[in-house]
C-alpha atoms as a PDB file:
ATOM      1  CA  GLU A   1    -102.424  95.998 -78.096  1.00  0.00           C
ATOM      2  CA  ARG A   2    -101.597  97.532 -81.314  1.00  0.00           C
ATOM      3  CA  ILE A   3    -101.368 101.202 -79.541  1.00  0.00           C
ATOM      4  CA  LEU A   4     -99.685  99.513 -76.975  1.00  0.00           C
ATOM      5  CA  SER A   5     -96.782  98.309 -79.260  1.00  0.00           C
ATOM      6  CA  SER A   6     -96.368 101.436 -80.983  1.00  0.00           C
ATOM      7  CA  TYR A   7     -95.227 103.255 -77.761  1.00  0.00           C
ATOM      8  CA  GLY A   8     -92.499  99.862 -76.823  1.00  0.00           C
ATOM      9  CA  ILE A   9     -94.658  98.947 -74.280  1.00  0.00           C
ATOM     10  CA  ASN A  10     -94.012  95.429 -73.238  1.00  0.00           C
ATOM     11  CA  VAL A  11     -95.497  95.002 -69.902  1.00  0.00           C
ATOM     12  CA  PHE A  12     -99.535  96.415 -69.180  1.00  0.00           C
ATOM     13  CA  HIS A  13    -100.710  96.974 -65.699  1.00  0.00           C
ATOM     14  CA  GLY A  14    -104.229  96.898 -65.211  1.00  0.00           C
ATOM     15  CA  THR A  15    -104.897  98.741 -62.133  1.00  0.00           C
ATOM     16  CA  GLY A  16    -108.608  98.526 -61.597  1.00  0.00           C
ATOM     17  CA  ASN A  17    -109.496  94.668 -62.412  1.00  0.00           C
ATOM     18  CA  ILE A  18    -109.823  95.342 -65.912  1.00  0.00           C
ATOM     19  CA  ILE A  19    -107.183  94.299 -68.935  1.00  0.00           C
ATOM     20  CA  PRO A  20    -107.497  94.643 -73.126  1.00  0.00           C
ATOM     21  CA  ARG A  21    -107.126  91.688 -74.617  1.00  0.00           C
ATOM     22  CA  LEU A  22    -103.011  91.274 -75.016  1.00  0.00           C
ATOM     23  CA  ARG A  23    -101.220  88.209 -76.849  1.00  0.00           C
ATOM     24  CA  SER A  24     -97.580  89.622 -77.235  1.00  0.00           C
ATOM     25  CA  ILE A  25     -97.562  92.145 -74.054  1.00  0.00           C
ATOM     26  CA  ALA A  26     -97.115  90.820 -70.931  1.00  0.00           C
ATOM     27  CA  SER A  27     -99.771  91.934 -67.886  1.00  0.00           C
ATOM     28  CA  VAL A  28     -99.783  92.041 -64.698  1.00  0.00           C
ATOM     29  CA  LEU A  29    -103.516  92.833 -63.206  1.00  0.00           C
ATOM     30  CA  THR A  30    -104.703  94.371 -59.624  1.00  0.00           C
ATOM     31  CA  VAL A  31    -107.644  93.001 -58.515  1.00  0.00           C
ATOM     32  CA  HIS A  32    -109.527  94.938 -55.677  1.00  0.00           C
ATOM     33  CA  HIS A  33    -112.915  92.827 -55.565  1.00  0.00           C
ATOM     34  CA  TYR A  34    -113.946  89.603 -56.981  1.00  0.00           C
ATOM     35  CA  LYS A  35    -117.521  89.897 -57.733  1.00  0.00           C
ATOM     36  CA  GLY A  36    -120.015  90.637 -54.764  1.00  0.00           C
ATOM     37  CA  PHE A  37    -121.071  87.990 -52.461  1.00  0.00           C
ATOM     38  CA  PRO A  38    -119.481  84.550 -51.635  1.00  0.00           C
ATOM     39  CA  GLY A  39    -119.118  82.021 -54.285  1.00  0.00           C
ATOM     40  CA  GLY A  40    -118.035  84.689 -56.843  1.00  0.00           C
ATOM     41  CA  ALA A  41    -121.889  84.986 -57.291  1.00  0.00           C
ATOM     42  CA  VAL A  42    -123.552  88.190 -59.530  1.00  0.00           C
ATOM     43  CA  PRO A  43    -126.994  89.101 -57.766  1.00  0.00           C
ATOM     44  CA  ASP A  44    -129.305  89.243 -60.401  1.00  0.00           C
ATOM     45  CA  SER A  45    -130.270  92.647 -59.729  1.00  0.00           C
ATOM     46  CA  PHE A  46    -127.063  94.111 -60.602  1.00  0.00           C
ATOM     47  CA  SER A  47    -127.482  96.430 -63.514  1.00  0.00           C
ATOM     48  CA  PRO A  48    -125.760  95.029 -67.201  1.00  0.00           C
ATOM     49  CA  LYS A  49    -123.099  97.526 -66.690  1.00  0.00           C
ATOM     50  CA  GLU A  50    -121.945  95.503 -63.793  1.00  0.00           C
ATOM     51  CA  LYS A  51    -122.544  92.114 -64.821  1.00  0.00           C
ATOM     52  CA  PHE A  52    -120.366  93.322 -68.044  1.00  0.00           C
ATOM     53  CA  TYR A  53    -117.515  94.793 -65.539  1.00  0.00           C
ATOM     54  CA  PHE A  54    -117.368  91.230 -63.682  1.00  0.00           C
ATOM     55  CA  ARG A  55    -117.577  89.187 -66.958  1.00  0.00           C
ATOM     56  CA  CYS A  56    -114.683  91.366 -67.891  1.00  0.00           C
ATOM     57  CA  THR A  57    -112.827  90.496 -64.415  1.00  0.00           C
ATOM     58  CA  ASP A  58    -113.537  86.797 -65.179  1.00  0.00           C
ATOM     59  CA  TYR A  59    -111.840  87.318 -68.291  1.00  0.00           C
ATOM     60  CA  SER A  60    -108.921  89.677 -67.400  1.00  0.00           C
ATOM     61  CA  VAL A  61    -108.155  87.496 -64.307  1.00  0.00           C
ATOM     62  CA  SER A  62    -108.019  84.237 -66.703  1.00  0.00           C
ATOM     63  CA  ASN A  63    -105.663  85.598 -68.722  1.00  0.00           C
ATOM     64  CA  THR A  64    -102.815  87.903 -67.003  1.00  0.00           C
ATOM     65  CA  ASP A  65     -99.612  87.024 -66.226  1.00  0.00           C
ATOM     66  CA  TYR A  66     -99.806  87.884 -62.715  1.00  0.00           C
ATOM     67  CA  ILE A  67    -102.169  89.178 -60.497  1.00  0.00           C
ATOM     68  CA  ILE A  68    -102.151  91.458 -57.516  1.00  0.00           C
ATOM     69  CA  ALA A  69    -104.679  91.360 -54.490  1.00  0.00           C
ATOM     70  CA  ASP A  70    -104.875  94.726 -52.067  1.00  0.00           C
ATOM     71  CA  SER A  71    -106.383  91.825 -49.161  1.00  0.00           C
ATOM     72  CA  GLU A  72    -105.810  89.065 -48.911  1.00  0.00           C
ATOM     73  CA  HIS A  73    -109.670  88.175 -48.557  1.00  0.00           C
ATOM     74  CA  THR A  74    -109.669  88.979 -52.038  1.00  0.00           C
ATOM     75  CA  LYS A  75    -106.633  86.600 -52.932  1.00  0.00           C
ATOM     76  CA  LYS A  76    -108.697  83.930 -51.348  1.00  0.00           C
ATOM     77  CA  ASP A  77    -111.661  84.764 -53.637  1.00  0.00           C
ATOM     78  CA  ILE A  78    -109.901  84.462 -56.524  1.00  0.00           C
ATOM     79  CA  LYS A  79    -108.048  81.504 -55.860  1.00  0.00           C
ATOM     80  CA  GLU A  80    -111.162  79.541 -55.035  1.00  0.00           C
ATOM     81  CA  ASN A  81    -113.483  80.350 -57.667  1.00  0.00           C
ATOM     82  CA  LEU A  82    -110.584  81.218 -60.924  1.00  0.00           C
ATOM     83  CA  LYS A  83    -108.266  77.966 -59.830  1.00  0.00           C
ATOM     84  CA  ILE A  84    -105.412  80.566 -59.919  1.00  0.00           C
ATOM     85  CA  LYS A  85    -102.197  79.106 -58.469  1.00  0.00           C
ATOM     86  CA  ASP A  86    -100.218  80.740 -55.433  1.00  0.00           C
ATOM     87  CA  GLU A  87     -97.047  81.420 -57.729  1.00  0.00           C
ATOM     88  CA  SER A  88     -99.581  83.652 -59.775  1.00  0.00           C
ATOM     89  CA  ILE A  89    -100.961  85.788 -57.642  1.00  0.00           C
ATOM     90  CA  SER A  90     -99.752  88.122 -54.283  1.00  0.00           C
ATOM     91  CA  THR A  91    -100.992  90.285 -51.773  1.00  0.00           C
ATOM     92  CA  VAL A  92    -100.449  93.915 -51.695  1.00  0.00           C
ATOM     93  CA  TYR A  93    -102.042  96.669 -49.210  1.00  0.00           C
ATOM     94  CA  ALA A  94    -103.767  99.343 -50.627  1.00  0.00           C
ATOM     95  CA  GLY A  95    -102.618 102.846 -49.376  1.00  0.00           C
ATOM     96  CA  LEU A  96    -104.473 106.571 -50.006  1.00  0.00           C
ATOM     97  CA  SER A  97    -104.280 108.742 -52.612  1.00  0.00           C
ATOM     98  CA  ASP A  98    -102.781 112.116 -51.911  1.00  0.00           C
ATOM     99  CA  ILE A  99    -105.910 113.697 -52.951  1.00  0.00           C
ATOM    100  CA  PHE A 100    -107.523 112.593 -49.482  1.00  0.00           C
ATOM    101  CA  HIS A 101    -107.235 115.311 -46.915  1.00  0.00           C
ATOM    102  CA  ILE A 102    -108.847 117.901 -44.824  1.00  0.00           C
ATOM    103  CA  TYR A 103    -109.568 120.969 -47.211  1.00  0.00           C
ATOM    104  CA  ASP A 104    -110.489 124.230 -46.461  1.00  0.00           C
ATOM    105  CA  ASP A 105    -114.542 125.711 -46.277  1.00  0.00           C
ATOM    106  CA  ASN A 106    -114.081 127.205 -49.403  1.00  0.00           C
ATOM    107  CA  PHE A 107    -113.645 123.876 -51.325  1.00  0.00           C
ATOM    108  CA  LYS A 108    -116.089 122.588 -49.143  1.00  0.00           C
ATOM    109  CA  SER A 109    -118.720 125.069 -49.715  1.00  0.00           C
ATOM    110  CA  LEU A 110    -118.451 124.406 -53.764  1.00  0.00           C
ATOM    111  CA  ILE A 111    -119.399 120.962 -53.229  1.00  0.00           C
ATOM    112  CA  LYS A 112    -122.377 121.808 -50.741  1.00  0.00           C
ATOM    113  CA  LYS A 113    -123.547 123.658 -53.709  1.00  0.00           C
ATOM    114  CA  LYS A 114    -122.581 121.202 -56.268  1.00  0.00           C
ATOM    115  CA  TYR A 115    -124.566 118.300 -55.130  1.00  0.00           C
ATOM    116  CA  ASP A 116    -127.044 120.372 -53.720  1.00  0.00           C
ATOM    117  CA  LEU A 117    -126.143 118.948 -49.992  1.00  0.00           C
ATOM    118  CA  PRO A 118    -128.433 119.532 -46.619  1.00  0.00           C
ATOM    119  CA  ASP A 119    -126.456 121.117 -43.402  1.00  0.00           C
ATOM    120  CA  LYS A 120    -126.298 117.651 -41.851  1.00  0.00           C
ATOM    121  CA  PHE A 121    -126.358 114.360 -43.237  1.00  0.00           C
ATOM    122  CA  ILE A 122    -124.584 110.897 -42.988  1.00  0.00           C
ATOM    123  CA  PHE A 123    -123.077 109.799 -46.119  1.00  0.00           C
ATOM    124  CA  VAL A 124    -122.738 106.329 -47.898  1.00  0.00           C
ATOM    125  CA  SER A 125    -120.694 105.516 -50.559  1.00  0.00           C
ATOM    126  CA  GLY A 126    -121.695 103.477 -53.981  1.00  0.00           C
ATOM    127  CA  PRO A 127    -121.997 101.594 -55.749  1.00  0.00           C
ATOM    128  CA  ILE A 128    -125.757 101.129 -55.454  1.00  0.00           C
ATOM    129  CA  ASN A 129    -126.673  97.495 -55.414  1.00  0.00           C
ATOM    130  CA  GLU A 130    -127.476  94.954 -52.721  1.00  0.00           C
ATOM    131  CA  ARG A 131    -124.051  94.073 -51.397  1.00  0.00           C
ATOM    132  CA  LYS A 132    -124.138  97.455 -49.532  1.00  0.00           C
ATOM    133  CA  ASN A 133    -126.545  96.528 -47.780  1.00  0.00           C
ATOM    134  CA  LEU A 134    -128.932  99.703 -48.096  1.00  0.00           C
ATOM    135  CA  LEU A 135    -132.127  98.522 -47.591  1.00  0.00           C
ATOM    136  CA  ARG A 136    -131.381  97.780 -43.936  1.00  0.00           C
ATOM    137  CA  LEU A 137    -129.470 101.068 -43.756  1.00  0.00           C
ATOM    138  CA  LEU A 138    -132.916 102.897 -44.922  1.00  0.00           C
ATOM    139  CA  GLU A 139    -134.692 100.965 -41.850  1.00  0.00           C
ATOM    140  CA  ALA A 140    -131.709 102.086 -38.878  1.00  0.00           C
ATOM    141  CA  PHE A 141    -131.932 105.385 -40.387  1.00  0.00           C
ATOM    142  CA  ALA A 142    -135.712 105.904 -39.729  1.00  0.00           C
ATOM    143  CA  ALA A 143    -135.160 104.428 -36.489  1.00  0.00           C
ATOM    144  CA  LEU A 144    -132.562 107.231 -36.000  1.00  0.00           C
ATOM    145  CA  ARG A 145    -134.904 109.750 -36.941  1.00  0.00           C
ATOM    146  CA  HIS A 146    -137.131 109.499 -34.076  1.00  0.00           C
ATOM    147  CA  ASN A 147    -134.127 111.331 -31.683  1.00  0.00           C
ATOM    148  CA  PHE A 148    -132.047 112.842 -34.817  1.00  0.00           C
ATOM    149  CA  THR A 149    -134.875 115.050 -36.726  1.00  0.00           C
ATOM    150  CA  ASP A 150    -132.374 117.126 -38.440  1.00  0.00           C
ATOM    151  CA  LEU A 151    -130.134 114.481 -39.857  1.00  0.00           C
ATOM    152  CA  ASP A 152    -130.454 113.352 -43.716  1.00  0.00           C
ATOM    153  CA  LEU A 153    -129.018 110.571 -45.444  1.00  0.00           C
ATOM    154  CA  VAL A 154    -127.189 110.975 -48.786  1.00  0.00           C
ATOM    155  CA  ILE A 155    -125.807 108.043 -51.044  1.00  0.00           C
ATOM    156  CA  SER A 156    -123.868 108.435 -53.966  1.00  0.00           C
ATOM    157  CA  GLY A 157    -123.578 106.118 -57.013  1.00  0.00           C
ATOM    158  CA  ASP A 158    -125.476 105.424 -60.180  1.00  0.00           C
ATOM    159  CA  THR A 159    -128.749 104.964 -59.783  1.00  0.00           C
ATOM    160  CA  ASP A 160    -129.683 102.305 -62.733  1.00  0.00           C
ATOM    161  CA  GLY A 161    -129.575  98.971 -61.140  1.00  0.00           C
ATOM    162  CA  ASN A 162    -133.089  97.038 -60.419  1.00  0.00           C
ATOM    163  CA  TYR A 163    -132.038  97.354 -56.721  1.00  0.00           C
ATOM    164  CA  PHE A 164    -132.582 101.267 -56.773  1.00  0.00           C
ATOM    165  CA  ALA A 165    -136.395 100.585 -57.521  1.00  0.00           C
ATOM    166  CA  ASN A 166    -136.478  98.783 -54.403  1.00  0.00           C
ATOM    167  CA  LEU A 167    -134.815 101.129 -52.464  1.00  0.00           C
ATOM    168  CA  ILE A 168    -137.354 104.089 -53.835  1.00  0.00           C
ATOM    169  CA  SER A 169    -140.022 101.256 -52.559  1.00  0.00           C
ATOM    170  CA  ARG A 170    -138.615 101.349 -49.172  1.00  0.00           C
ATOM    171  CA  ILE A 171    -137.993 104.393 -48.795  1.00  0.00           C
ATOM    172  CA  ILE A 172    -141.502 105.703 -49.335  1.00  0.00           C
ATOM    173  CA  SER A 173    -142.789 103.032 -47.113  1.00  0.00           C
ATOM    174  CA  LEU A 174    -140.680 104.398 -44.203  1.00  0.00           C
ATOM    175  CA  LYS A 175    -141.803 108.205 -45.177  1.00  0.00           C
ATOM    176  CA  LEU A 176    -138.081 109.372 -45.734  1.00  0.00           C
ATOM    177  CA  GLU A 177    -138.860 111.078 -48.971  1.00  0.00           C
ATOM    178  CA  ASN A 178    -137.736 114.394 -47.953  1.00  0.00           C
ATOM    179  CA  TYR A 179    -134.552 113.177 -45.948  1.00  0.00           C
ATOM    180  CA  VAL A 180    -132.381 110.713 -48.473  1.00  0.00           C
ATOM    181  CA  HIS A 181    -130.876 112.244 -51.136  1.00  0.00           C
ATOM    182  CA  PHE A 182    -129.252 110.576 -54.506  1.00  0.00           C
ATOM    183  CA  ILE A 183    -126.361 112.654 -55.783  1.00  0.00           C
ATOM    184  CA  GLY A 184    -125.665 110.177 -58.404  1.00  0.00           C
ATOM    185  CA  PHE A 185    -121.374 109.390 -59.470  1.00  0.00           C
ATOM    186  CA  VAL A 186    -119.216 111.518 -57.657  1.00  0.00           C
ATOM    187  CA  PRO A 187    -115.656 111.741 -59.340  1.00  0.00           C
ATOM    188  CA  GLY A 188    -112.755 111.189 -56.828  1.00  0.00           C
ATOM    189  CA  LEU A 189    -111.655 114.941 -56.817  1.00  0.00           C
ATOM    190  CA  ASP A 190    -115.440 115.708 -55.421  1.00  0.00           C
ATOM    191  CA  MET A 191    -115.233 112.830 -52.927  1.00  0.00           C
ATOM    192  CA  PRO A 192    -112.870 114.810 -49.948  1.00  0.00           C
ATOM    193  CA  GLY A 193    -115.402 117.283 -50.171  1.00  0.00           C
ATOM    194  CA  VAL A 194    -118.476 115.206 -49.458  1.00  0.00           C
ATOM    195  CA  TYR A 195    -116.375 113.127 -46.989  1.00  0.00           C
ATOM    196  CA  GLY A 196    -115.549 116.732 -44.985  1.00  0.00           C
ATOM    197  CA  LEU A 197    -119.251 117.823 -45.001  1.00  0.00           C
ATOM    198  CA  ALA A 198    -120.510 114.822 -43.698  1.00  0.00           C
ATOM    199  CA  GLN A 199    -121.105 113.981 -40.123  1.00  0.00           C
ATOM    200  CA  MET A 200    -120.064 110.520 -40.355  1.00  0.00           C
ATOM    201  CA  LEU A 201    -119.853 107.790 -43.294  1.00  0.00           C
ATOM    202  CA  VAL A 202    -122.012 104.941 -42.380  1.00  0.00           C
ATOM    203  CA  TYR A 203    -120.258 101.439 -44.337  1.00  0.00           C
ATOM    204  CA  PRO A 204    -122.778  98.612 -43.520  1.00  0.00           C
ATOM    205  CA  SER A 205    -121.678  96.381 -46.577  1.00  0.00           C
ATOM    206  CA  LEU A 206    -122.088  92.967 -46.468  1.00  0.00           C
ATOM    207  CA  TYR A 207    -119.007  91.987 -48.585  1.00  0.00           C
ATOM    208  CA  GLU A 208    -115.902  93.819 -49.919  1.00  0.00           C
ATOM    209  CA  GLY A 209    -112.664  93.009 -50.983  1.00  0.00           C
ATOM    210  CA  PHE A 210    -111.061  95.634 -49.359  1.00  0.00           C
ATOM    211  CA  GLY A 211    -113.094  98.946 -48.776  1.00  0.00           C
ATOM    212  CA  PHE A 212    -111.361 102.039 -49.463  1.00  0.00           C
ATOM    213  CA  PRO A 213    -114.263 104.409 -48.253  1.00  0.00           C
ATOM    214  CA  PRO A 214    -113.572 103.982 -44.186  1.00  0.00           C
ATOM    215  CA  LEU A 215    -110.049 104.795 -44.692  1.00  0.00           C
ATOM    216  CA  GLU A 216    -110.649 108.217 -47.453  1.00  0.00           C
ATOM    217  CA  ALA A 217    -113.403 109.492 -45.150  1.00  0.00           C
ATOM    218  CA  MET A 218    -110.585 109.106 -42.119  1.00  0.00           C
ATOM    219  CA  ALA A 219    -108.258 111.112 -43.892  1.00  0.00           C
ATOM    220  CA  CYS A 220    -110.961 113.699 -44.788  1.00  0.00           C
END
C-alpha cells in the first residue's frame, strides 16, 4: 500500500483473484473462479501453494470494495459462499488475449523443441488437480490408444500436489508410461505454440468458473 500511495494511486484493480492488504486505497477485484468444487471446498489433495492461494482469495473477496466475476457461475459461487450483496458484484464476461492466434511453423518448431513434444498429441491444460478430472481422462486415453496408437497425451501444470502421485500410479497401472508427458508450467507466451501443435485440446473438468483453454485453443 505504501508503494501504491507513493505513485498517487487511489484505486487498485486485482485482475487475478487476489489483492494486497489495503486500508486507504479503494480496490476492485476480478475473480475468475471460486475454490474448486460446489460448496467452496478445497480438496485435501491440493498442494500447500494452492490452499494458500484460495485462503488469499477468501481474504481478497471479503475485503475489496467491488467484485467483477467473469461468469454468472462464479458470481453465484461467491455470493453463496461469502454472503456478498448484489450491489457489490457484477458479471463482466471474459475476452481473449491477442497473443492467442495462429502462429507460423518456425515458432511452433521452437516450442516443440523447448518442451520436447511428441509428433501427434492430445493436450490438457493445467493446473494438475482433481477438479480437472485427469484420472478419468487417463482411462479414456488408454481406451483411445487401442485404435490410435500414434497419439500421445501432453499435460501442462505444476506437479507438486498429492494428486500428481495418484496420476503416476494410474499411468503405471494402465501401462501408459511411454505415452503421457508432463511438461510443467507453460508461460502464457508459449501456450499458443502448444495449442497450435496439438491434434486437439481435451477439457474434461468437473468444475470451472469460466474456462479459458477452450477459447484459447480455438483461436490457435
